Amino acid sequence: MPRPPRCRRICGIPKIDAFYPSGCEDAEPILLTLDEYEVIRLVDLEQQTHEQCAAQMDISRSTVQEIYESARRKIAACLVHGKPLHITGGNYRICGGQEAAHCGRCCRMQRGNIEKSGKNCKGDSIMKIAVTYENGQIF
């Protein structure tokens, strides 16, 4: 039995969620999920690598690759066949600046404010090194 898919973290819902070619409002629309939209935004617009995108969305790099290929096929079909594009649905959660790490501009601004205040958030990385002394105690 396969494990359930992970919820993909996105920074926010797009302001515009539908695109229509001139004179084709009645054609069957192609649905682009919000996680596909986020991958396209991060990889093509923000010029992140698939590794960076995977870390930000809290998914694996191979999943980013699959989502990216699917999204590009859908966008290409819209352009070539003149079909409307709707951005909706998908398996996602919206970060909106509330999560500590890796979620776009909104979270980087939030993170900058946290770093200035000196507070640590859940999920922040803190490196600790164990040093042993001759008597075997660890400090």
N, C-alpha and C. Protein backbone atom coordinates (compact mmCIF):
# COMPACT_ATOMS: atom_id res chain seq x y z
N MET A 1 0.85 -1.18 0.00
CA MET A 1 0.00 0.00 0.00
C MET A 1 0.90 1.24 0.00
N PRO A 2 0.71 2.15 -0.97
CA PRO A 2 1.56 3.35 -1.02
C PRO A 2 1.24 4.30 0.12
N ARG A 3 2.25 5.03 0.52
CA ARG A 3 2.03 6.01 1.59
C ARG A 3 1.27 7.22 1.04
N PRO A 4 0.56 7.93 1.87
CA PRO A 4 -0.19 9.10 1.39
C PRO A 4 0.77 10.20 0.95
N PRO A 5 0.39 11.00 -0.05
CA PRO A 5 1.28 12.06 -0.54
C PRO A 5 1.46 13.15 0.51
N ARG A 6 2.66 13.74 0.53
CA ARG A 6 2.94 14.84 1.46
C ARG A 6 2.24 16.10 0.99
N CYS A 7 1.85 16.89 1.94
CA CYS A 7 1.23 18.17 1.65
C CYS A 7 2.34 19.13 1.21
N ARG A 8 2.18 19.78 0.07
CA ARG A 8 3.21 20.66 -0.46
C ARG A 8 3.03 22.06 0.09
N ARG A 9 4.11 22.67 0.55
CA ARG A 9 4.04 24.01 1.14
C ARG A 9 4.14 25.04 0.02
N ILE A 10 3.17 25.95 -0.04
CA ILE A 10 3.22 27.05 -1.01
C ILE A 10 3.18 28.36 -0.25
N CYS A 11 3.71 29.40 -0.87
CA CYS A 11 3.81 30.69 -0.19
C CYS A 11 2.48 31.42 -0.16
N GLY A 12 1.66 31.25 -1.18
CA GLY A 12 0.38 31.93 -1.21
C GLY A 12 -0.41 31.59 -2.45
N ILE A 13 -1.67 31.95 -2.45
CA ILE A 13 -2.56 31.70 -3.59
C ILE A 13 -2.33 32.81 -4.62
N PRO A 14 -2.30 32.47 -5.91
CA PRO A 14 -2.07 33.50 -6.93
C PRO A 14 -3.21 34.53 -6.97
N LYS A 15 -2.86 35.77 -7.28
CA LYS A 15 -3.87 36.83 -7.37
C LYS A 15 -4.80 36.60 -8.55
N ILE A 16 -4.26 36.09 -9.64
CA ILE A 16 -5.06 35.79 -10.83
C ILE A 16 -5.03 34.28 -11.02
N ASP A 17 -6.22 33.67 -11.07
CA ASP A 17 -6.28 32.21 -11.12
C ASP A 17 -6.85 31.66 -12.41
N ALA A 18 -7.04 32.50 -13.41
CA ALA A 18 -7.56 32.02 -14.69
C ALA A 18 -7.03 32.88 -15.84
N PHE A 19 -6.71 32.21 -16.94
CA PHE A 19 -6.24 32.89 -18.15
C PHE A 19 -7.03 32.36 -19.33
N TYR A 20 -7.54 33.28 -20.14
CA TYR A 20 -8.36 32.91 -21.29
C TYR A 20 -7.77 33.50 -22.55
N PRO A 21 -7.56 32.68 -23.60
CA PRO A 21 -7.16 33.26 -24.88
C PRO A 21 -8.35 34.00 -25.49
N SER A 22 -8.09 34.97 -26.32
CA SER A 22 -9.15 35.76 -26.94
C SER A 22 -10.12 34.87 -27.70
N GLY A 23 -11.40 35.02 -27.39
CA GLY A 23 -12.45 34.31 -28.10
C GLY A 23 -12.61 32.84 -27.77
N CYS A 24 -12.00 32.35 -26.71
CA CYS A 24 -12.09 30.92 -26.37
C CYS A 24 -12.58 30.68 -24.95
N GLU A 25 -13.45 31.54 -24.44
CA GLU A 25 -13.94 31.38 -23.08
C GLU A 25 -14.78 30.12 -22.89
N ASP A 26 -15.38 29.59 -23.98
CA ASP A 26 -16.26 28.43 -23.86
C ASP A 26 -15.53 27.09 -24.02
N ALA A 27 -14.24 27.11 -24.33
CA ALA A 27 -13.47 25.86 -24.49
C ALA A 27 -13.24 25.20 -23.13
N GLU A 28 -12.99 23.90 -23.16
CA GLU A 28 -12.71 23.14 -21.94
C GLU A 28 -11.38 23.61 -21.33
N PRO A 29 -11.39 24.09 -20.08
CA PRO A 29 -10.15 24.62 -19.49
C PRO A 29 -9.20 23.50 -19.06
N ILE A 30 -7.94 23.84 -19.01
CA ILE A 30 -6.91 22.96 -18.46
C ILE A 30 -6.67 23.42 -17.03
N LEU A 31 -6.66 22.45 -16.10
CA LEU A 31 -6.51 22.77 -14.69
C LEU A 31 -5.06 22.61 -14.25
N LEU A 32 -4.49 23.68 -13.74
CA LEU A 32 -3.15 23.69 -13.19
C LEU A 32 -3.30 23.76 -11.67
N THR A 33 -2.74 22.79 -10.95
CA THR A 33 -2.89 22.79 -9.49
C THR A 33 -2.00 23.86 -8.87
N LEU A 34 -2.31 24.22 -7.64
CA LEU A 34 -1.54 25.26 -6.96
C LEU A 34 -0.10 24.83 -6.70
N ASP A 35 0.13 23.54 -6.47
CA ASP A 35 1.51 23.10 -6.28
C ASP A 35 2.28 23.15 -7.60
N GLU A 36 1.62 22.88 -8.73
CA GLU A 36 2.26 23.04 -10.03
C GLU A 36 2.59 24.51 -10.29
N TYR A 37 1.66 25.38 -9.95
CA TYR A 37 1.87 26.83 -10.10
C TYR A 37 3.08 27.27 -9.27
N GLU A 38 3.18 26.78 -8.04
CA GLU A 38 4.28 27.17 -7.15
C GLU A 38 5.63 26.69 -7.69
N VAL A 39 5.68 25.48 -8.23
CA VAL A 39 6.93 24.98 -8.81
C VAL A 39 7.33 25.82 -10.01
N ILE A 40 6.40 26.15 -10.88
CA ILE A 40 6.70 27.01 -12.03
C ILE A 40 7.20 28.38 -11.55
N ARG A 41 6.55 28.93 -10.54
CA ARG A 41 6.95 30.24 -10.00
C ARG A 41 8.37 30.18 -9.45
N LEU A 42 8.67 29.15 -8.68
CA LEU A 42 9.99 29.06 -8.05
C LEU A 42 11.10 28.75 -9.05
N VAL A 43 10.86 27.79 -9.95
CA VAL A 43 11.92 27.36 -10.87
C VAL A 43 12.10 28.36 -12.01
N ASP A 44 11.01 28.77 -12.66
CA ASP A 44 11.14 29.63 -13.84
C ASP A 44 11.21 31.12 -13.50
N LEU A 45 10.42 31.59 -12.56
CA LEU A 45 10.41 33.01 -12.23
C LEU A 45 11.49 33.38 -11.22
N GLU A 46 11.57 32.64 -10.12
CA GLU A 46 12.57 32.93 -9.08
C GLU A 46 13.93 32.32 -9.41
N GLN A 47 14.01 31.50 -10.46
CA GLN A 47 15.23 30.86 -10.95
C GLN A 47 15.93 30.03 -9.87
N GLN A 48 15.14 29.29 -9.11
CA GLN A 48 15.70 28.38 -8.12
C GLN A 48 16.01 27.04 -8.78
N THR A 49 16.93 26.30 -8.20
CA THR A 49 17.19 24.95 -8.67
C THR A 49 16.08 24.05 -8.14
N HIS A 50 16.01 22.84 -8.68
CA HIS A 50 14.99 21.90 -8.21
C HIS A 50 15.25 21.53 -6.75
N GLU A 51 16.50 21.50 -6.34
CA GLU A 51 16.85 21.20 -4.94
C GLU A 51 16.33 22.31 -4.02
N GLN A 52 16.55 23.56 -4.39
CA GLN A 52 16.08 24.68 -3.58
C GLN A 52 14.56 24.70 -3.51
N CYS A 53 13.94 24.44 -4.65
CA CYS A 53 12.48 24.40 -4.72
C CYS A 53 11.93 23.29 -3.82
N ALA A 54 12.56 22.14 -3.85
CA ALA A 54 12.14 21.00 -3.03
C ALA A 54 12.24 21.35 -1.55
N ALA A 55 13.33 22.00 -1.15
CA ALA A 55 13.50 22.37 0.25
C ALA A 55 12.43 23.37 0.67
N GLN A 56 12.12 24.32 -0.20
CA GLN A 56 11.13 25.34 0.15
C GLN A 56 9.73 24.76 0.24
N MET A 57 9.42 23.81 -0.65
CA MET A 57 8.07 23.23 -0.65
C MET A 57 7.93 22.02 0.27
N ASP A 58 9.03 21.60 0.88
CA ASP A 58 9.03 20.49 1.82
C ASP A 58 8.66 19.17 1.14
N ILE A 59 9.23 18.94 -0.04
CA ILE A 59 9.02 17.70 -0.80
C ILE A 59 10.36 17.25 -1.37
N SER A 60 10.41 16.09 -2.00
CA SER A 60 11.67 15.60 -2.56
C SER A 60 11.95 16.24 -3.92
N ARG A 61 13.23 16.20 -4.32
CA ARG A 61 13.63 16.77 -5.60
C ARG A 61 12.98 16.04 -6.76
N SER A 62 12.84 14.72 -6.66
CA SER A 62 12.21 13.97 -7.75
C SER A 62 10.73 14.33 -7.88
N THR A 63 10.08 14.63 -6.78
CA THR A 63 8.68 15.07 -6.83
C THR A 63 8.58 16.43 -7.51
N VAL A 64 9.52 17.32 -7.23
CA VAL A 64 9.56 18.62 -7.90
C VAL A 64 9.69 18.42 -9.40
N GLN A 65 10.57 17.51 -9.81
CA GLN A 65 10.77 17.23 -11.24
C GLN A 65 9.47 16.76 -11.89
N GLU A 66 8.75 15.85 -11.24
CA GLU A 66 7.48 15.35 -11.79
C GLU A 66 6.44 16.46 -11.88
N ILE A 67 6.32 17.26 -10.85
CA ILE A 67 5.35 18.35 -10.83
C ILE A 67 5.70 19.37 -11.92
N TYR A 68 6.98 19.68 -12.05
CA TYR A 68 7.45 20.65 -13.04
C TYR A 68 7.14 20.20 -14.47
N GLU A 69 7.41 18.94 -14.76
CA GLU A 69 7.13 18.42 -16.10
C GLU A 69 5.64 18.44 -16.40
N SER A 70 4.82 18.07 -15.42
CA SER A 70 3.37 18.09 -15.61
C SER A 70 2.87 19.51 -15.86
N ALA A 71 3.36 20.46 -15.08
CA ALA A 71 2.94 21.86 -15.23
C ALA A 71 3.34 22.42 -16.59
N ARG A 72 4.54 22.12 -17.03
CA ARG A 72 4.99 22.62 -18.33
C ARG A 72 4.18 22.03 -19.48
N ARG A 73 3.82 20.74 -19.37
CA ARG A 73 2.97 20.13 -20.41
C ARG A 73 1.61 20.83 -20.47
N LYS A 74 1.04 21.13 -19.31
CA LYS A 74 -0.27 21.79 -19.28
C LYS A 74 -0.19 23.20 -19.86
N ILE A 75 0.84 23.95 -19.50
CA ILE A 75 0.98 25.31 -20.01
C ILE A 75 1.22 25.29 -21.52
N ALA A 76 2.04 24.34 -21.99
CA ALA A 76 2.28 24.21 -23.42
C ALA A 76 0.98 23.88 -24.16
N ALA A 77 0.15 23.00 -23.61
CA ALA A 77 -1.12 22.65 -24.24
C ALA A 77 -2.03 23.88 -24.32
N CYS A 78 -2.03 24.70 -23.30
CA CYS A 78 -2.84 25.93 -23.33
C CYS A 78 -2.38 26.86 -24.44
N LEU A 79 -1.07 27.02 -24.58
CA LEU A 79 -0.54 27.93 -25.60
C LEU A 79 -0.76 27.38 -27.01
N VAL A 80 -0.49 26.10 -27.20
CA VAL A 80 -0.57 25.52 -28.54
C VAL A 80 -2.01 25.34 -29.00
N HIS A 81 -2.89 24.87 -28.12
CA HIS A 81 -4.27 24.58 -28.50
C HIS A 81 -5.23 25.72 -28.20
N GLY A 82 -4.75 26.80 -27.60
CA GLY A 82 -5.60 27.96 -27.31
C GLY A 82 -6.68 27.66 -26.30
N LYS A 83 -6.35 26.91 -25.25
CA LYS A 83 -7.35 26.57 -24.23
C LYS A 83 -7.18 27.46 -23.00
N PRO A 84 -8.27 27.68 -22.27
CA PRO A 84 -8.16 28.45 -21.02
C PRO A 84 -7.39 27.67 -19.96
N LEU A 85 -6.79 28.41 -19.03
CA LEU A 85 -6.02 27.81 -17.94
C LEU A 85 -6.62 28.26 -16.62
N HIS A 86 -6.96 27.30 -15.76
CA HIS A 86 -7.46 27.60 -14.41
C HIS A 86 -6.47 27.07 -13.39
N ILE A 87 -6.12 27.90 -12.41
CA ILE A 87 -5.21 27.48 -11.34
C ILE A 87 -6.06 27.21 -10.11
N THR A 88 -6.16 25.93 -9.74
CA THR A 88 -7.02 25.55 -8.63
C THR A 88 -6.67 24.16 -8.13
N GLY A 89 -6.97 23.89 -6.88
CA GLY A 89 -6.84 22.54 -6.32
C GLY A 89 -5.41 22.12 -6.04
N GLY A 90 -5.25 20.84 -5.75
CA GLY A 90 -3.94 20.28 -5.45
C GLY A 90 -3.82 19.91 -3.99
N ASN A 91 -2.71 19.30 -3.67
CA ASN A 91 -2.43 18.86 -2.30
C ASN A 91 -1.41 19.83 -1.71
N TYR A 92 -1.87 20.85 -0.98
CA TYR A 92 -0.98 21.90 -0.53
C TYR A 92 -1.40 22.44 0.83
N ARG A 93 -0.47 23.18 1.43
CA ARG A 93 -0.77 24.00 2.61
C ARG A 93 -0.11 25.35 2.39
N ILE A 94 -0.76 26.39 2.86
CA ILE A 94 -0.25 27.74 2.64
C ILE A 94 0.56 28.16 3.85
N CYS A 95 1.79 28.56 3.60
CA CYS A 95 2.68 28.98 4.69
C CYS A 95 2.31 30.39 5.16
N GLY A 96 2.26 31.32 4.23
CA GLY A 96 1.86 32.69 4.55
C GLY A 96 2.72 33.39 5.57
N GLY A 97 4.00 33.01 5.68
CA GLY A 97 4.89 33.67 6.63
C GLY A 97 4.86 33.09 8.01
N GLN A 98 4.07 32.06 8.25
CA GLN A 98 3.92 31.50 9.59
C GLN A 98 4.94 30.41 9.90
N GLU A 99 5.55 29.81 8.87
CA GLU A 99 6.51 28.74 9.11
C GLU A 99 7.91 29.33 9.15
N ALA A 100 8.79 28.71 9.88
CA ALA A 100 10.10 29.30 10.17
C ALA A 100 11.05 29.32 8.98
N ALA A 101 11.03 28.31 8.13
CA ALA A 101 12.11 28.22 7.14
C ALA A 101 11.62 28.02 5.72
N HIS A 102 12.38 28.55 4.78
CA HIS A 102 12.33 28.20 3.36
C HIS A 102 11.02 28.45 2.63
N CYS A 103 10.35 29.55 2.82
CA CYS A 103 9.11 29.72 2.06
C CYS A 103 9.03 31.09 1.42
N GLY A 104 9.88 31.37 0.49
CA GLY A 104 9.74 32.55 -0.35
C GLY A 104 9.95 33.88 0.36
N ARG A 105 9.60 34.94 -0.35
CA ARG A 105 9.81 36.29 0.16
C ARG A 105 9.04 36.57 1.44
N CYS A 106 7.79 36.14 1.49
CA CYS A 106 6.98 36.47 2.67
C CYS A 106 7.60 35.87 3.93
N CYS A 107 8.14 34.67 3.83
CA CYS A 107 8.73 34.05 5.00
C CYS A 107 10.13 34.57 5.28
N ARG A 108 10.85 34.96 4.22
CA ARG A 108 12.16 35.54 4.45
C ARG A 108 12.04 36.83 5.23
N MET A 109 11.01 37.64 4.92
CA MET A 109 10.80 38.87 5.67
C MET A 109 10.45 38.54 7.11
N GLN A 110 9.60 37.56 7.31
CA GLN A 110 9.21 37.12 8.65
C GLN A 110 10.45 36.62 9.39
N ARG A 111 11.28 35.85 8.72
CA ARG A 111 12.49 35.29 9.32
C ARG A 111 13.46 36.41 9.69
N GLY A 112 13.57 37.44 8.84
CA GLY A 112 14.45 38.57 9.14
C GLY A 112 14.03 39.27 10.41
N ASN A 113 12.73 39.43 10.62
CA ASN A 113 12.23 40.05 11.85
C ASN A 113 12.53 39.20 13.06
N ILE A 114 12.45 37.89 12.92
CA ILE A 114 12.73 36.98 14.03
C ILE A 114 14.21 37.05 14.38
N GLU A 115 15.08 37.06 13.36
CA GLU A 115 16.51 37.10 13.61
C GLU A 115 16.91 38.40 14.31
N LYS A 116 16.26 39.51 13.96
CA LYS A 116 16.56 40.78 14.61
C LYS A 116 16.14 40.77 16.07
N SER A 117 15.04 40.08 16.37
CA SER A 117 14.56 40.04 17.74
C SER A 117 15.34 39.05 18.59
N GLY A 118 16.10 38.16 17.95
CA GLY A 118 16.92 37.20 18.69
C GLY A 118 16.16 35.97 19.16
N LYS A 119 14.93 35.80 18.77
CA LYS A 119 14.14 34.64 19.19
C LYS A 119 14.36 33.50 18.21
N ASN A 120 14.37 32.28 18.72
CA ASN A 120 14.46 31.10 17.87
C ASN A 120 13.06 30.54 17.65
N CYS A 121 12.78 30.13 16.43
CA CYS A 121 11.50 29.53 16.11
C CYS A 121 11.65 28.02 16.04
N LYS A 122 10.53 27.35 16.16
CA LYS A 122 10.52 25.90 16.00
C LYS A 122 11.01 25.58 14.59
N GLY A 123 11.96 24.66 14.49
CA GLY A 123 12.49 24.29 13.20
C GLY A 123 13.81 24.99 12.86
N ASP A 124 14.21 26.02 13.63
CA ASP A 124 15.49 26.66 13.39
C ASP A 124 16.61 25.68 13.71
N SER A 125 17.65 25.70 12.93
CA SER A 125 18.77 24.80 13.13
C SER A 125 19.72 25.39 14.16
N ILE A 126 20.05 24.60 15.17
CA ILE A 126 21.03 24.98 16.17
C ILE A 126 22.04 23.85 16.22
N MET A 127 23.29 24.16 15.92
CA MET A 127 24.32 23.13 15.92
C MET A 127 24.93 23.02 17.31
N LYS A 128 24.99 21.80 17.83
CA LYS A 128 25.62 21.54 19.11
C LYS A 128 26.73 20.53 18.88
N ILE A 129 27.85 20.76 19.53
CA ILE A 129 28.98 19.86 19.39
C ILE A 129 29.27 19.26 20.76
N ALA A 130 29.40 17.94 20.81
CA ALA A 130 29.73 17.25 22.06
C ALA A 130 31.23 17.08 22.14
N VAL A 131 31.80 17.49 23.26
CA VAL A 131 33.23 17.37 23.48
C VAL A 131 33.43 16.47 24.69
N THR A 132 34.25 15.45 24.53
CA THR A 132 34.52 14.56 25.66
C THR A 132 35.85 14.93 26.30
N TYR A 133 35.87 14.83 27.60
CA TYR A 133 37.11 15.04 28.34
C TYR A 133 37.70 13.69 28.69
N GLU A 134 38.91 13.70 29.22
CA GLU A 134 39.61 12.47 29.52
C GLU A 134 38.85 11.59 30.51
N ASN A 135 38.06 12.20 31.40
CA ASN A 135 37.33 11.42 32.39
C ASN A 135 36.02 10.86 31.83
N GLY A 136 35.72 11.08 30.54
CA GLY A 136 34.55 10.48 29.89
C GLY A 136 33.30 11.33 29.95
N GLN A 137 33.31 12.45 30.62
CA GLN A 137 32.14 13.32 30.68
C GLN A 137 32.01 14.07 29.35
N ILE A 138 30.75 14.34 28.98
CA ILE A 138 30.46 15.06 27.74
C ILE A 138 29.92 16.43 28.09
N PHE A 139 30.47 17.44 27.46
CA PHE A 139 30.00 18.81 27.66
C PHE A 139 29.65 19.44 26.36
